[in-house]
Amino acid sequence: MASHLDQVEPSEQSKNALFIVFVAGRKATQRGRKLRHWDLSESEQNSAANSWPITSFLYTDIPYFRSLRAHLTMAKKALAKDQIVKLIVGAGQASPSPPVGPALGSKGVKSMDFCKEFNARTAHINTGVPIPARVTVRPDRSFTFDLRTPTTTYLLLQAANVEPRKNRIRGAMKPGHETVGKVSLKHVYEIAKIKQSETRLSGLSLQGLCKSIMAQAKSIGIQVVP
């Protein structure tokens, strides 16, 4: 903070005005009196900048405080980061209702804009197939998103023709002691090719992906047969 303040020289008028700082929701005080930055030494200013999360401040309408507000605004923008939202939505079935609406609305994104684009990009996929989406929300509330392939568990359960339980397709309740279905090595190979189509997995070998898929099959009670 001290480096920003040094760029603007306060006038005599501004020195007579109170610089009221709100720190963690309350007025910062030193020995029972309101603080002004010129009341502190340079080391005290640096210490305050490092330890006090300043959220907002009041200022009088003078050039010094206008310039100070501009510095703080620029610093806030520089610290802003992209936010990541992970969703799993049925292909062609995105709508502003939960989970899409609340997840994106809390980040300031218009969920309807996402839904229209998501449904358009998944129009070629069978309706209802759960598609993972990774949404990147920028500080200006614009967004982009990447689509990924269905989860390995979903693909295995579909290949094994597992019947839904309580309207949901689930694996074994006791893996290792219960088998809910079977898949062939060809199924495993085809699933591996689907997963390898993702950019983040494109560097992995098919053999390595097949081993991972077979381990996943075992963990949900699906038997792999030749």
Protein backbone atom coordinates (compact mmCIF):
# COMPACT_ATOMS: atom_id res chain seq x y z
CA MET A 1 0.00 0.00 0.00
CA ALA A 2 2.83 2.40 0.85
CA SER A 3 4.20 2.29 -2.70
CA HIS A 4 0.81 3.33 -4.13
CA LEU A 5 0.38 6.14 -1.62
CA ASP A 6 3.83 7.49 -2.36
CA GLN A 7 2.81 8.14 -5.96
CA VAL A 8 0.29 10.77 -4.86
CA GLU A 9 1.25 13.64 -2.59
CA PRO A 10 -1.60 14.55 -0.20
CA SER A 11 -2.50 18.21 -0.02
CA GLU A 12 -2.92 20.15 3.22
CA GLN A 13 -6.67 19.92 2.70
CA SER A 14 -6.55 16.13 2.46
CA LYS A 15 -4.34 15.89 5.55
CA ASN A 16 -7.06 17.61 7.52
CA ALA A 17 -9.67 15.15 6.24
CA LEU A 18 -10.17 11.86 8.00
CA PHE A 19 -9.03 8.81 6.06
CA ILE A 20 -11.45 6.20 7.40
CA VAL A 21 -10.41 2.64 6.68
CA PHE A 22 -12.67 -0.35 7.21
CA VAL A 23 -10.71 -3.44 8.11
CA ALA A 24 -12.47 -6.82 8.39
CA GLY A 25 -15.81 -5.05 8.81
CA ARG A 26 -14.83 -2.53 11.49
CA LYS A 27 -13.04 0.81 11.66
CA ALA A 28 -9.32 0.45 12.17
CA THR A 29 -8.14 2.33 15.23
CA GLN A 30 -4.82 3.02 16.85
CA ARG A 31 -4.90 3.92 20.53
CA GLY A 32 -8.58 4.74 20.28
CA ARG A 33 -8.36 7.22 17.39
CA LYS A 34 -9.14 6.95 13.70
CA LEU A 35 -6.17 6.22 11.46
CA ARG A 36 -4.81 8.37 8.70
CA HIS A 37 -2.00 6.95 6.60
CA TRP A 38 0.27 9.92 7.39
CA ASP A 39 0.01 9.06 11.11
CA LEU A 40 2.00 5.87 10.47
CA SER A 41 5.67 5.37 9.74
CA GLU A 42 6.69 3.59 6.53
CA SER A 43 7.31 0.32 8.38
CA GLU A 44 3.91 0.56 10.07
CA GLN A 45 2.25 1.18 6.70
CA ASN A 46 3.91 -1.90 5.23
CA SER A 47 2.89 -3.97 8.24
CA ALA A 48 -0.69 -2.77 7.94
CA ALA A 49 -0.79 -3.54 4.22
CA ASN A 50 0.39 -7.09 4.85
CA SER A 51 -1.85 -7.89 7.80
CA TRP A 52 -5.09 -5.93 7.32
CA PRO A 53 -7.48 -7.14 4.58
CA ILE A 54 -8.91 -3.77 3.52
CA THR A 55 -12.34 -4.30 2.00
CA SER A 56 -13.58 -0.77 1.41
CA PHE A 57 -13.10 2.79 2.52
CA LEU A 58 -14.80 6.18 2.70
CA TYR A 59 -13.17 9.23 1.25
CA THR A 60 -13.82 12.94 0.79
CA ASP A 61 -14.25 14.29 -2.71
CA ILE A 62 -10.69 15.51 -3.22
CA PRO A 63 -8.06 14.54 -5.83
CA TYR A 64 -5.88 12.64 -3.37
CA PHE A 65 -8.58 10.17 -2.41
CA ARG A 66 -9.80 9.86 -6.00
CA SER A 67 -6.33 8.79 -7.05
CA LEU A 68 -6.06 6.42 -4.09
CA ARG A 69 -9.34 4.76 -5.02
CA ALA A 70 -8.09 4.28 -8.60
CA HIS A 71 -4.94 2.55 -7.30
CA LEU A 72 -6.96 0.22 -5.08
CA THR A 73 -9.38 -0.59 -7.90
CA MET A 74 -6.51 -1.52 -10.22
CA ALA A 75 -4.94 -3.67 -7.51
CA LYS A 76 -8.24 -5.47 -6.93
CA LYS A 77 -8.59 -6.24 -10.65
CA ALA A 78 -5.01 -7.52 -10.79
CA LEU A 79 -5.73 -9.94 -7.95
CA ALA A 80 -8.95 -11.25 -9.52
CA LYS A 81 -8.68 -14.82 -10.77
CA ASP A 82 -10.67 -17.11 -13.01
CA GLN A 83 -13.13 -19.39 -11.21
CA ILE A 84 -13.77 -23.00 -12.20
CA VAL A 85 -17.21 -24.62 -12.03
CA LYS A 86 -17.54 -28.38 -12.67
CA LEU A 87 -20.88 -29.72 -13.84
CA ILE A 88 -22.32 -32.98 -15.16
CA VAL A 89 -25.33 -32.33 -17.36
CA GLY A 90 -27.38 -34.57 -19.64
CA ALA A 91 -26.67 -33.99 -23.33
CA GLY A 92 -29.25 -31.60 -24.76
CA GLN A 93 -30.91 -31.21 -21.35
CA ALA A 94 -29.18 -28.18 -19.82
CA SER A 95 -31.65 -25.80 -18.13
CA PRO A 96 -31.45 -22.97 -15.57
CA SER A 97 -32.82 -25.30 -12.89
CA PRO A 98 -30.44 -27.03 -10.42
CA PRO A 99 -27.64 -27.89 -10.62
CA VAL A 100 -26.78 -25.53 -13.51
CA GLY A 101 -28.65 -22.39 -12.43
CA PRO A 102 -27.42 -22.09 -8.82
CA ALA A 103 -23.85 -23.15 -9.67
CA LEU A 104 -23.40 -20.52 -12.39
CA GLY A 105 -25.68 -17.86 -10.90
CA SER A 106 -23.52 -17.69 -7.77
CA LYS A 107 -20.59 -16.73 -10.04
CA GLY A 108 -22.54 -14.00 -11.81
CA VAL A 109 -23.03 -15.96 -15.05
CA LYS A 110 -26.34 -16.01 -16.93
CA SER A 111 -27.14 -19.70 -16.86
CA MET A 112 -29.44 -19.44 -19.90
CA ASP A 113 -26.48 -18.42 -22.09
CA PHE A 114 -24.57 -21.50 -20.95
CA CYS A 115 -27.57 -23.78 -21.47
CA LYS A 116 -28.11 -22.65 -25.06
CA GLU A 117 -24.47 -23.19 -26.00
CA PHE A 118 -24.21 -26.50 -24.12
CA ASN A 119 -27.31 -27.94 -25.78
CA ALA A 120 -26.08 -26.84 -29.20
CA ARG A 121 -22.67 -28.45 -28.69
CA THR A 122 -24.17 -31.73 -27.44
CA ALA A 123 -26.91 -32.02 -30.07
CA HIS A 124 -25.06 -34.88 -31.81
CA ILE A 125 -24.95 -36.98 -28.60
CA ASN A 126 -27.80 -39.20 -27.45
CA THR A 127 -30.12 -37.11 -25.30
CA GLY A 128 -29.57 -37.58 -21.58
CA VAL A 129 -26.02 -38.96 -21.69
CA PRO A 130 -24.26 -37.31 -18.71
CA ILE A 131 -21.55 -35.00 -20.07
CA PRO A 132 -18.99 -33.43 -17.70
CA ALA A 133 -18.42 -29.72 -18.37
CA ARG A 134 -15.62 -27.60 -16.94
CA VAL A 135 -16.70 -23.94 -16.95
CA THR A 136 -14.11 -21.16 -16.61
CA VAL A 137 -15.65 -17.91 -15.30
CA ARG A 138 -13.51 -14.81 -15.83
CA PRO A 139 -13.52 -11.75 -13.52
CA ASP A 140 -15.68 -9.84 -16.05
CA ARG A 141 -18.29 -12.66 -15.78
CA SER A 142 -17.70 -13.94 -19.29
CA PHE A 143 -17.16 -17.69 -19.54
CA THR A 144 -15.87 -20.54 -21.65
CA PHE A 145 -16.32 -24.26 -21.11
CA ASP A 146 -14.80 -27.55 -22.17
CA LEU A 147 -16.79 -30.73 -22.66
CA ARG A 148 -15.41 -34.09 -21.60
CA THR A 149 -16.41 -37.65 -22.31
CA PRO A 150 -18.84 -39.46 -19.98
CA THR A 151 -17.25 -40.93 -16.86
CA THR A 152 -15.59 -44.34 -17.09
CA THR A 153 -18.08 -45.72 -14.56
CA TYR A 154 -21.03 -44.65 -16.72
CA LEU A 155 -19.52 -46.17 -19.87
CA LEU A 156 -18.79 -49.47 -18.09
CA LEU A 157 -22.29 -49.74 -16.63
CA GLN A 158 -23.81 -49.02 -20.03
CA ALA A 159 -21.61 -51.63 -21.73
CA ALA A 160 -22.59 -54.20 -19.07
CA ASN A 161 -26.32 -53.41 -19.51
CA VAL A 162 -26.76 -52.89 -15.78
CA GLU A 163 -30.39 -52.36 -14.82
CA PRO A 164 -31.25 -49.13 -12.96
CA ARG A 165 -31.92 -49.31 -9.22
CA LYS A 166 -34.08 -46.59 -7.71
CA ASN A 167 -34.00 -44.83 -11.09
CA ARG A 168 -30.21 -44.74 -11.04
CA ILE A 169 -27.61 -46.96 -12.66
CA ARG A 170 -25.22 -48.04 -9.92
CA GLY A 171 -22.37 -50.45 -9.42
CA ALA A 172 -22.13 -53.23 -6.86
CA MET A 173 -22.96 -52.43 -3.26
CA LYS A 174 -20.15 -54.79 -2.16
CA PRO A 175 -17.41 -54.81 -4.83
CA GLY A 176 -15.38 -58.01 -4.74
CA HIS A 177 -18.30 -59.97 -3.31
CA GLU A 178 -20.98 -59.01 -5.82
CA THR A 179 -21.03 -58.85 -9.62
CA VAL A 180 -23.53 -56.61 -11.37
CA GLY A 181 -22.49 -57.35 -14.95
CA LYS A 182 -19.81 -58.34 -17.43
CA VAL A 183 -17.89 -56.58 -20.20
CA SER A 184 -15.52 -57.96 -22.81
CA LEU A 185 -11.97 -56.86 -23.55
CA LYS A 186 -13.34 -55.31 -26.73
CA HIS A 187 -15.63 -53.11 -24.62
CA VAL A 188 -12.64 -52.06 -22.52
CA TYR A 189 -10.67 -51.20 -25.66
CA GLU A 190 -13.51 -49.13 -27.14
CA ILE A 191 -13.97 -47.24 -23.87
CA ALA A 192 -10.22 -46.56 -23.79
CA LYS A 193 -10.40 -45.04 -27.28
CA ILE A 194 -13.27 -42.80 -26.18
CA LYS A 195 -11.31 -41.58 -23.15
CA GLN A 196 -8.16 -41.04 -25.22
CA SER A 197 -10.08 -38.58 -27.42
CA GLU A 198 -9.95 -36.08 -24.55
CA THR A 199 -7.10 -33.59 -24.89
CA ARG A 200 -5.98 -34.09 -21.29
CA LEU A 201 -5.70 -37.87 -21.81
CA SER A 202 -4.40 -37.91 -25.37
CA GLY A 203 -0.83 -38.44 -24.19
CA LEU A 204 -1.65 -41.70 -22.41
CA SER A 205 -1.25 -45.04 -24.16
CA LEU A 206 -4.24 -47.25 -24.92
CA GLN A 207 -2.63 -50.03 -22.91
CA GLY A 208 -2.37 -47.82 -19.84
CA LEU A 209 -5.94 -46.63 -20.23
CA CYS A 210 -7.19 -50.21 -20.60
CA LYS A 211 -5.49 -51.21 -17.35
CA SER A 212 -7.06 -48.24 -15.57
CA ILE A 213 -10.51 -49.09 -16.97
CA MET A 214 -10.20 -52.73 -15.91
CA ALA A 215 -9.30 -51.63 -12.38
CA GLN A 216 -12.31 -49.31 -12.37
CA ALA A 217 -14.55 -52.16 -13.55
CA LYS A 218 -13.40 -54.34 -10.67
CA SER A 219 -14.08 -51.56 -8.16
CA ILE A 220 -17.75 -51.31 -9.19
CA GLY A 221 -18.44 -55.04 -9.46
CA ILE A 222 -18.13 -55.54 -13.23
CA GLN A 223 -16.27 -58.61 -14.47
CA VAL A 224 -14.01 -58.33 -17.52
CA VAL A 225 -14.11 -61.44 -19.72
CA PRO A 226 -12.11 -62.30 -22.89
